[in-house]
Amino acid sequence: MSLQEHLSRVTARYEELQHLMGESGVSGDEYTRLSKEFSDLAPINAAIEALQAAEREAGDLAQMIADADIDSDMRAMAEEEFTALKEKIPDLERHVKLMIEMQSWKCAPVRGATKQRCLPLICFVCTSVMQIAWTGNLR
């Protein structure tokens, strides 16, 4: 499955959960389960939206740059912003991939493990991975 297909599935599930939580016939236990899944997906969905917004903006800037009727100052500004976005988009993609991977780690069952025992370790590992991905070193 491609990254775009995976992102579409996550976004669709997030929207489905939002819709399901708004329905009137949802029991308290079901609402709690849906709410937990929704809150787990919220930061991933926000990262996906940031990536998609950057990609749309890069596309708009590319059209501006290609427009023959645009003046040279506007083209220079658009090229500068386009270059900055093109450098930022791979970082946003890595961030989304890491968040999706971290989500799968939280769900992985471990024999004899309990959530109370595993979450501190998972959080440490996830935080460390994110720190390395963004800064290049572990503090």
C-alpha atoms as a PDB file:
ATOM      1  CA  MET A   1       0.000   0.000   0.000  1.00  0.00           C
ATOM      2  CA  SER A   2       1.349   3.411  -0.941  1.00  0.00           C
ATOM      3  CA  LEU A   3       1.787   6.212   1.571  1.00  0.00           C
ATOM      4  CA  GLN A   4      -1.086   8.187   0.008  1.00  0.00           C
ATOM      5  CA  GLU A   5      -3.435   5.190   0.283  1.00  0.00           C
ATOM      6  CA  HIS A   6      -2.462   4.715   3.917  1.00  0.00           C
ATOM      7  CA  LEU A   7      -2.977   8.401   4.678  1.00  0.00           C
ATOM      8  CA  SER A   8      -6.383   8.289   3.001  1.00  0.00           C
ATOM      9  CA  ARG A   9      -7.387   5.311   5.151  1.00  0.00           C
ATOM     10  CA  VAL A  10      -6.302   7.045   8.358  1.00  0.00           C
ATOM     11  CA  THR A  11      -8.142  10.240   7.398  1.00  0.00           C
ATOM     12  CA  ALA A  12     -11.275   8.291   6.428  1.00  0.00           C
ATOM     13  CA  ARG A  13     -11.251   6.403   9.744  1.00  0.00           C
ATOM     14  CA  TYR A  14     -10.784   9.664  11.671  1.00  0.00           C
ATOM     15  CA  GLU A  15     -13.781  11.206   9.881  1.00  0.00           C
ATOM     16  CA  GLU A  16     -15.832   8.024  10.404  1.00  0.00           C
ATOM     17  CA  LEU A  17     -15.099   8.089  14.147  1.00  0.00           C
ATOM     18  CA  GLN A  18     -16.092  11.741  14.304  1.00  0.00           C
ATOM     19  CA  HIS A  19     -19.399  10.884  12.615  1.00  0.00           C
ATOM     20  CA  LEU A  20     -20.041   7.817  14.815  1.00  0.00           C
ATOM     21  CA  MET A  21     -19.435   9.780  18.023  1.00  0.00           C
ATOM     22  CA  GLY A  22     -22.022  12.328  16.894  1.00  0.00           C
ATOM     23  CA  GLU A  23     -24.775   9.736  16.487  1.00  0.00           C
ATOM     24  CA  SER A  24     -27.427   9.646  19.190  1.00  0.00           C
ATOM     25  CA  GLY A  25     -27.703   5.847  19.615  1.00  0.00           C
ATOM     26  CA  VAL A  26     -24.132   5.279  20.809  1.00  0.00           C
ATOM     27  CA  SER A  27     -23.848   3.603  24.234  1.00  0.00           C
ATOM     28  CA  GLY A  28     -21.532   4.949  26.918  1.00  0.00           C
ATOM     29  CA  ASP A  29     -18.998   2.118  26.543  1.00  0.00           C
ATOM     30  CA  GLU A  30     -19.042   2.385  22.753  1.00  0.00           C
ATOM     31  CA  TYR A  31     -18.619   6.167  22.948  1.00  0.00           C
ATOM     32  CA  THR A  32     -15.633   5.710  25.269  1.00  0.00           C
ATOM     33  CA  ARG A  33     -14.014   3.241  22.845  1.00  0.00           C
ATOM     34  CA  LEU A  34     -14.669   5.495  19.844  1.00  0.00           C
ATOM     35  CA  SER A  35     -13.427   8.548  21.726  1.00  0.00           C
ATOM     36  CA  LYS A  36     -10.176   6.787  22.672  1.00  0.00           C
ATOM     37  CA  GLU A  37      -9.507   5.752  19.081  1.00  0.00           C
ATOM     38  CA  PHE A  38     -10.440   9.245  17.878  1.00  0.00           C
ATOM     39  CA  SER A  39      -8.026  10.895  20.328  1.00  0.00           C
ATOM     40  CA  ASP A  40      -5.269   8.467  19.298  1.00  0.00           C
ATOM     41  CA  LEU A  41      -5.767   9.390  15.632  1.00  0.00           C
ATOM     42  CA  ALA A  42      -6.115  13.163  16.197  1.00  0.00           C
ATOM     43  CA  PRO A  43      -2.370  14.014  16.187  1.00  0.00           C
ATOM     44  CA  ILE A  44      -1.780  11.749  13.189  1.00  0.00           C
ATOM     45  CA  ASN A  45      -4.652  13.389  11.323  1.00  0.00           C
ATOM     46  CA  ALA A  46      -3.271  16.851  12.168  1.00  0.00           C
ATOM     47  CA  ALA A  47       0.147  15.845  10.795  1.00  0.00           C
ATOM     48  CA  ILE A  48      -1.491  14.478   7.634  1.00  0.00           C
ATOM     49  CA  GLU A  49      -3.419  17.729   7.182  1.00  0.00           C
ATOM     50  CA  ALA A  50      -0.198  19.752   7.594  1.00  0.00           C
ATOM     51  CA  LEU A  51       1.526  17.595   4.960  1.00  0.00           C
ATOM     52  CA  GLN A  52      -1.384  17.873   2.537  1.00  0.00           C
ATOM     53  CA  ALA A  53      -1.610  21.651   3.042  1.00  0.00           C
ATOM     54  CA  ALA A  54       2.115  22.008   2.287  1.00  0.00           C
ATOM     55  CA  GLU A  55       1.734  19.870  -0.846  1.00  0.00           C
ATOM     56  CA  ARG A  56      -1.249  21.946  -2.039  1.00  0.00           C
ATOM     57  CA  GLU A  57       0.635  25.179  -1.372  1.00  0.00           C
ATOM     58  CA  ALA A  58       3.658  23.872  -3.298  1.00  0.00           C
ATOM     59  CA  GLY A  59       1.368  23.060  -6.215  1.00  0.00           C
ATOM     60  CA  ASP A  60      -0.170  26.537  -6.137  1.00  0.00           C
ATOM     61  CA  LEU A  61       3.277  28.128  -6.025  1.00  0.00           C
ATOM     62  CA  ALA A  62       4.432  25.998  -8.950  1.00  0.00           C
ATOM     63  CA  GLN A  63       1.484  27.297 -10.977  1.00  0.00           C
ATOM     64  CA  MET A  64       2.352  30.874 -10.034  1.00  0.00           C
ATOM     65  CA  ILE A  65       5.965  30.349 -11.092  1.00  0.00           C
ATOM     66  CA  ALA A  66       4.847  28.889 -14.424  1.00  0.00           C
ATOM     67  CA  ASP A  67       2.460  31.798 -15.079  1.00  0.00           C
ATOM     68  CA  ALA A  68       3.933  34.000 -17.809  1.00  0.00           C
ATOM     69  CA  ASP A  69       1.845  37.000 -16.730  1.00  0.00           C
ATOM     70  CA  ILE A  70       3.286  37.234 -13.201  1.00  0.00           C
ATOM     71  CA  ASP A  71       5.806  39.995 -12.497  1.00  0.00           C
ATOM     72  CA  SER A  72       9.410  39.179 -11.605  1.00  0.00           C
ATOM     73  CA  ASP A  73       9.142  40.202  -7.921  1.00  0.00           C
ATOM     74  CA  MET A  74       6.130  37.934  -7.351  1.00  0.00           C
ATOM     75  CA  ARG A  75       7.845  35.090  -9.224  1.00  0.00           C
ATOM     76  CA  ALA A  76      10.976  35.492  -7.072  1.00  0.00           C
ATOM     77  CA  MET A  77       8.881  35.399  -3.883  1.00  0.00           C
ATOM     78  CA  ALA A  78       6.984  32.353  -5.134  1.00  0.00           C
ATOM     79  CA  GLU A  79      10.233  30.576  -6.037  1.00  0.00           C
ATOM     80  CA  GLU A  80      11.663  31.289  -2.593  1.00  0.00           C
ATOM     81  CA  GLU A  81       8.573  29.953  -0.840  1.00  0.00           C
ATOM     82  CA  PHE A  82       8.429  26.968  -3.210  1.00  0.00           C
ATOM     83  CA  THR A  83      12.042  26.057  -2.437  1.00  0.00           C
ATOM     84  CA  ALA A  84      11.407  26.291   1.305  1.00  0.00           C
ATOM     85  CA  LEU A  85       8.315  24.098   1.023  1.00  0.00           C
ATOM     86  CA  LYS A  86      10.109  21.514  -1.088  1.00  0.00           C
ATOM     87  CA  GLU A  87      12.689  21.216   1.702  1.00  0.00           C
ATOM     88  CA  LYS A  88       9.973  21.019   4.369  1.00  0.00           C
ATOM     89  CA  ILE A  89       7.739  18.394   2.726  1.00  0.00           C
ATOM     90  CA  PRO A  90      10.123  15.412   3.237  1.00  0.00           C
ATOM     91  CA  ASP A  91      10.330  16.302   6.949  1.00  0.00           C
ATOM     92  CA  LEU A  92       6.532  16.406   7.160  1.00  0.00           C
ATOM     93  CA  GLU A  93       6.341  13.018   5.401  1.00  0.00           C
ATOM     94  CA  ARG A  94       8.836  11.510   7.853  1.00  0.00           C
ATOM     95  CA  HIS A  95       6.869  12.965  10.743  1.00  0.00           C
ATOM     96  CA  VAL A  96       3.629  11.397   9.489  1.00  0.00           C
ATOM     97  CA  LYS A  97       5.306   8.024   8.891  1.00  0.00           C
ATOM     98  CA  LEU A  98       6.817   8.045  12.383  1.00  0.00           C
ATOM     99  CA  MET A  99       3.492   8.928  13.975  1.00  0.00           C
ATOM    100  CA  ILE A 100       1.774   6.084  12.126  1.00  0.00           C
ATOM    101  CA  GLU A 101       4.554   3.704  13.146  1.00  0.00           C
ATOM    102  CA  MET A 102       4.327   4.822  16.773  1.00  0.00           C
ATOM    103  CA  GLN A 103       0.571   4.215  16.690  1.00  0.00           C
ATOM    104  CA  SER A 104       1.167   0.637  15.528  1.00  0.00           C
ATOM    105  CA  TRP A 105       3.667   0.121  18.368  1.00  0.00           C
ATOM    106  CA  LYS A 106       1.047   1.160  20.901  1.00  0.00           C
ATOM    107  CA  CYS A 107      -1.330  -1.471  19.541  1.00  0.00           C
ATOM    108  CA  ALA A 108       1.156  -4.340  19.286  1.00  0.00           C
ATOM    109  CA  PRO A 109       0.293  -7.049  21.825  1.00  0.00           C
ATOM    110  CA  VAL A 110       3.211  -8.344  23.868  1.00  0.00           C
ATOM    111  CA  ARG A 111       2.930 -11.620  25.782  1.00  0.00           C
ATOM    112  CA  GLY A 112       2.598 -10.962  29.517  1.00  0.00           C
ATOM    113  CA  ALA A 113       2.705  -7.214  28.978  1.00  0.00           C
ATOM    114  CA  THR A 114       0.265  -4.795  30.443  1.00  0.00           C
ATOM    115  CA  LYS A 115      -0.430  -1.303  29.257  1.00  0.00           C
ATOM    116  CA  GLN A 116       0.924   0.092  32.530  1.00  0.00           C
ATOM    117  CA  ARG A 117       4.250  -1.719  32.065  1.00  0.00           C
ATOM    118  CA  CYS A 118       4.674  -1.071  28.328  1.00  0.00           C
ATOM    119  CA  LEU A 119       3.509   2.498  27.826  1.00  0.00           C
ATOM    120  CA  PRO A 120       6.424   4.176  29.660  1.00  0.00           C
ATOM    121  CA  LEU A 121       8.906   2.211  27.541  1.00  0.00           C
ATOM    122  CA  ILE A 122       6.953   2.844  24.348  1.00  0.00           C
ATOM    123  CA  CYS A 123       6.741   6.555  25.134  1.00  0.00           C
ATOM    124  CA  PHE A 124      10.498   6.685  25.780  1.00  0.00           C
ATOM    125  CA  VAL A 125      11.266   4.847  22.539  1.00  0.00           C
ATOM    126  CA  CYS A 126       8.818   6.968  20.529  1.00  0.00           C
ATOM    127  CA  THR A 127      10.138  10.195  22.013  1.00  0.00           C
ATOM    128  CA  SER A 128      13.703   9.103  21.283  1.00  0.00           C
ATOM    129  CA  VAL A 129      12.890   8.143  17.697  1.00  0.00           C
ATOM    130  CA  MET A 130      11.108  11.449  17.107  1.00  0.00           C
ATOM    131  CA  GLN A 131      13.986  13.398  18.636  1.00  0.00           C
ATOM    132  CA  ILE A 132      16.525  11.623  16.438  1.00  0.00           C
ATOM    133  CA  ALA A 133      14.357  12.099  13.352  1.00  0.00           C
ATOM    134  CA  TRP A 134      13.972  15.843  13.919  1.00  0.00           C
ATOM    135  CA  THR A 135      17.360  16.808  15.376  1.00  0.00           C
ATOM    136  CA  GLY A 136      19.697  14.056  14.249  1.00  0.00           C
ATOM    137  CA  ASN A 137      20.828  13.280  17.787  1.00  0.00           C
ATOM    138  CA  LEU A 138      19.505  11.941  21.074  1.00  0.00           C
ATOM    139  CA  ARG A 139      19.692  14.194  24.103  1.00  0.00           C
END
